[in-house]
Amino acid sequence: MEEILNLLNDSLMTFYACFKNGEAFHWFVCTIVGIMIRSERLGVTSIIRALGIAPCHYEALLHFFRA
């Protein structure tokens, strides 16, 4: 399991330079992991539910997709 997490970390970190700030990169990571573990296909809502993110952050995640 640790090898898989290290591979995922290494893969995602290759994209760090594509983002101007750390906050956008963190939303990117949350989005990718959320897509990987979600059990339903309801877009941003399913990502929020899968990760257990507070609903108040829904708009911030939508903004990530618009940016």
N, C-alpha and C. Protein backbone atom coordinates (compact mmCIF):
# COMPACT_ATOMS: atom_id res chain seq x y z
N MET A 1 0.82 -1.20 0.00
CA MET A 1 0.00 0.00 0.00
C MET A 1 0.86 1.26 0.00
N GLU A 2 1.93 1.22 0.77
CA GLU A 2 2.82 2.38 0.84
C GLU A 2 3.44 2.69 -0.53
N GLU A 3 3.76 1.65 -1.29
CA GLU A 3 4.33 1.85 -2.62
C GLU A 3 3.34 2.55 -3.54
N ILE A 4 2.07 2.18 -3.43
CA ILE A 4 1.05 2.81 -4.26
C ILE A 4 0.91 4.29 -3.90
N LEU A 5 0.90 4.59 -2.60
CA LEU A 5 0.79 5.98 -2.17
C LEU A 5 2.01 6.80 -2.60
N ASN A 6 3.19 6.20 -2.53
CA ASN A 6 4.39 6.90 -2.99
C ASN A 6 4.34 7.16 -4.49
N LEU A 7 3.85 6.19 -5.25
CA LEU A 7 3.72 6.37 -6.70
C LEU A 7 2.71 7.47 -7.01
N LEU A 8 1.59 7.46 -6.31
CA LEU A 8 0.58 8.51 -6.50
C LEU A 8 1.16 9.88 -6.14
N ASN A 9 1.86 9.96 -5.03
CA ASN A 9 2.48 11.22 -4.61
C ASN A 9 3.48 11.70 -5.67
N ASP A 10 4.34 10.83 -6.12
CA ASP A 10 5.35 11.21 -7.12
C ASP A 10 4.68 11.66 -8.42
N SER A 11 3.62 10.96 -8.81
CA SER A 11 2.92 11.31 -10.05
C SER A 11 2.26 12.68 -9.94
N LEU A 12 1.59 12.93 -8.82
CA LEU A 12 0.91 14.21 -8.66
C LEU A 12 1.90 15.36 -8.50
N MET A 13 3.01 15.12 -7.83
CA MET A 13 4.00 16.18 -7.62
C MET A 13 4.63 16.65 -8.93
N THR A 14 4.59 15.82 -9.97
CA THR A 14 5.14 16.26 -11.26
C THR A 14 4.35 17.43 -11.84
N PHE A 15 3.11 17.62 -11.37
CA PHE A 15 2.27 18.71 -11.86
C PHE A 15 2.40 19.99 -11.04
N TYR A 16 3.16 19.96 -9.96
CA TYR A 16 3.27 21.11 -9.05
C TYR A 16 3.70 22.38 -9.80
N ALA A 17 4.63 22.25 -10.71
CA ALA A 17 5.14 23.42 -11.44
C ALA A 17 4.10 24.04 -12.37
N CYS A 18 3.03 23.34 -12.65
CA CYS A 18 1.97 23.85 -13.53
C CYS A 18 1.07 24.87 -12.85
N PHE A 19 1.19 25.01 -11.54
CA PHE A 19 0.29 25.88 -10.78
C PHE A 19 1.05 27.07 -10.21
N LYS A 20 0.39 28.22 -10.21
CA LYS A 20 1.03 29.44 -9.72
C LYS A 20 1.10 29.50 -8.21
N ASN A 21 0.18 28.80 -7.53
CA ASN A 21 0.21 28.83 -6.07
C ASN A 21 -0.14 27.45 -5.51
N GLY A 22 0.21 27.26 -4.27
CA GLY A 22 -0.01 25.98 -3.61
C GLY A 22 -1.47 25.64 -3.41
N GLU A 23 -2.31 26.65 -3.23
CA GLU A 23 -3.73 26.40 -3.00
C GLU A 23 -4.37 25.74 -4.22
N ALA A 24 -4.06 26.24 -5.40
CA ALA A 24 -4.60 25.64 -6.63
C ALA A 24 -4.10 24.21 -6.79
N PHE A 25 -2.85 23.98 -6.46
CA PHE A 25 -2.31 22.62 -6.54
C PHE A 25 -3.02 21.69 -5.56
N HIS A 26 -3.31 22.17 -4.36
CA HIS A 26 -4.02 21.34 -3.39
C HIS A 26 -5.42 20.99 -3.86
N TRP A 27 -6.12 21.92 -4.50
CA TRP A 27 -7.43 21.61 -5.06
C TRP A 27 -7.30 20.60 -6.19
N PHE A 28 -6.24 20.71 -6.96
CA PHE A 28 -5.98 19.73 -8.03
C PHE A 28 -5.83 18.33 -7.44
N VAL A 29 -5.02 18.21 -6.39
CA VAL A 29 -4.81 16.91 -5.76
C VAL A 29 -6.12 16.38 -5.18
N CYS A 30 -6.87 17.24 -4.51
CA CYS A 30 -8.16 16.81 -3.96
C CYS A 30 -9.09 16.32 -5.07
N THR A 31 -9.10 17.02 -6.18
CA THR A 31 -9.95 16.64 -7.30
C THR A 31 -9.56 15.28 -7.86
N ILE A 32 -8.28 15.07 -8.09
CA ILE A 32 -7.82 13.79 -8.66
C ILE A 32 -8.12 12.64 -7.71
N VAL A 33 -7.79 12.81 -6.44
CA VAL A 33 -8.05 11.75 -5.46
C VAL A 33 -9.55 11.52 -5.32
N GLY A 34 -10.33 12.59 -5.30
CA GLY A 34 -11.78 12.46 -5.21
C GLY A 34 -12.38 11.70 -6.38
N ILE A 35 -11.88 11.97 -7.57
CA ILE A 35 -12.34 11.25 -8.76
C ILE A 35 -11.98 9.78 -8.66
N MET A 36 -10.82 9.50 -8.10
CA MET A 36 -10.38 8.11 -7.99
C MET A 36 -11.21 7.30 -7.00
N ILE A 37 -11.67 7.92 -5.92
CA ILE A 37 -12.34 7.15 -4.87
C ILE A 37 -13.85 7.31 -4.84
N ARG A 38 -14.40 8.19 -5.65
CA ARG A 38 -15.85 8.41 -5.60
C ARG A 38 -16.61 7.16 -6.03
N SER A 39 -17.79 7.01 -5.48
CA SER A 39 -18.60 5.84 -5.81
C SER A 39 -19.81 6.21 -6.67
N GLU A 40 -20.01 7.49 -6.90
CA GLU A 40 -21.11 7.95 -7.74
C GLU A 40 -20.58 8.94 -8.75
N ARG A 41 -21.34 9.22 -9.74
CA ARG A 41 -20.89 10.12 -10.81
C ARG A 41 -21.77 11.37 -10.87
N LEU A 42 -21.68 12.17 -9.82
CA LEU A 42 -22.48 13.38 -9.74
C LEU A 42 -21.61 14.63 -9.80
N GLY A 43 -20.47 14.54 -10.46
CA GLY A 43 -19.59 15.68 -10.63
C GLY A 43 -18.94 16.13 -9.33
N VAL A 44 -18.91 17.43 -9.12
CA VAL A 44 -18.26 18.01 -7.95
C VAL A 44 -18.89 17.50 -6.66
N THR A 45 -20.19 17.29 -6.68
CA THR A 45 -20.88 16.80 -5.49
C THR A 45 -20.32 15.46 -5.05
N SER A 46 -20.06 14.56 -6.00
CA SER A 46 -19.53 13.24 -5.63
C SER A 46 -18.11 13.34 -5.09
N ILE A 47 -17.32 14.28 -5.58
CA ILE A 47 -15.97 14.48 -5.06
C ILE A 47 -16.03 14.98 -3.62
N ILE A 48 -16.90 15.96 -3.38
CA ILE A 48 -17.08 16.50 -2.02
C ILE A 48 -17.48 15.40 -1.05
N ARG A 49 -18.46 14.58 -1.45
CA ARG A 49 -18.92 13.49 -0.59
C ARG A 49 -17.84 12.45 -0.35
N ALA A 50 -17.14 12.05 -1.41
CA ALA A 50 -16.13 10.99 -1.29
C ALA A 50 -15.00 11.39 -0.34
N LEU A 51 -14.62 12.65 -0.37
CA LEU A 51 -13.51 13.11 0.47
C LEU A 51 -13.96 13.60 1.84
N GLY A 52 -15.26 13.73 2.03
CA GLY A 52 -15.76 14.23 3.31
C GLY A 52 -15.45 15.70 3.52
N ILE A 53 -15.37 16.45 2.44
CA ILE A 53 -15.09 17.88 2.52
C ILE A 53 -16.36 18.60 2.96
N ALA A 54 -16.21 19.60 3.80
CA ALA A 54 -17.35 20.38 4.27
C ALA A 54 -18.07 21.03 3.08
N PRO A 55 -19.40 20.99 3.08
CA PRO A 55 -20.16 21.56 1.96
C PRO A 55 -19.87 23.03 1.69
N CYS A 56 -19.37 23.74 2.68
CA CYS A 56 -19.06 25.16 2.46
C CYS A 56 -17.92 25.36 1.46
N HIS A 57 -17.19 24.31 1.15
CA HIS A 57 -16.08 24.40 0.18
C HIS A 57 -16.50 24.04 -1.24
N TYR A 58 -17.78 23.77 -1.43
CA TYR A 58 -18.31 23.41 -2.74
C TYR A 58 -17.99 24.49 -3.78
N GLU A 59 -18.26 25.73 -3.44
CA GLU A 59 -18.00 26.84 -4.37
C GLU A 59 -16.52 26.97 -4.71
N ALA A 60 -15.65 26.73 -3.74
CA ALA A 60 -14.21 26.82 -4.00
C ALA A 60 -13.78 25.75 -5.00
N LEU A 61 -14.33 24.56 -4.87
CA LEU A 61 -13.99 23.49 -5.81
C LEU A 61 -14.55 23.80 -7.19
N LEU A 62 -15.74 24.36 -7.26
CA LEU A 62 -16.29 24.78 -8.56
C LEU A 62 -15.39 25.84 -9.20
N HIS A 63 -14.91 26.76 -8.38
CA HIS A 63 -14.02 27.81 -8.89
C HIS A 63 -12.75 27.21 -9.47
N PHE A 64 -12.25 26.14 -8.86
CA PHE A 64 -11.06 25.47 -9.40
C PHE A 64 -11.31 25.02 -10.84
N PHE A 65 -12.49 24.49 -11.12
CA PHE A 65 -12.79 24.03 -12.47
C PHE A 65 -12.96 25.17 -13.44
N ARG A 66 -13.44 26.29 -12.96
CA ARG A 66 -13.62 27.47 -13.83
C ARG A 66 -12.30 28.14 -14.13
N ALA A 67 -11.36 28.04 -13.22
CA ALA A 67 -10.06 28.71 -13.39
C ALA A 67 -9.25 27.96 -14.35
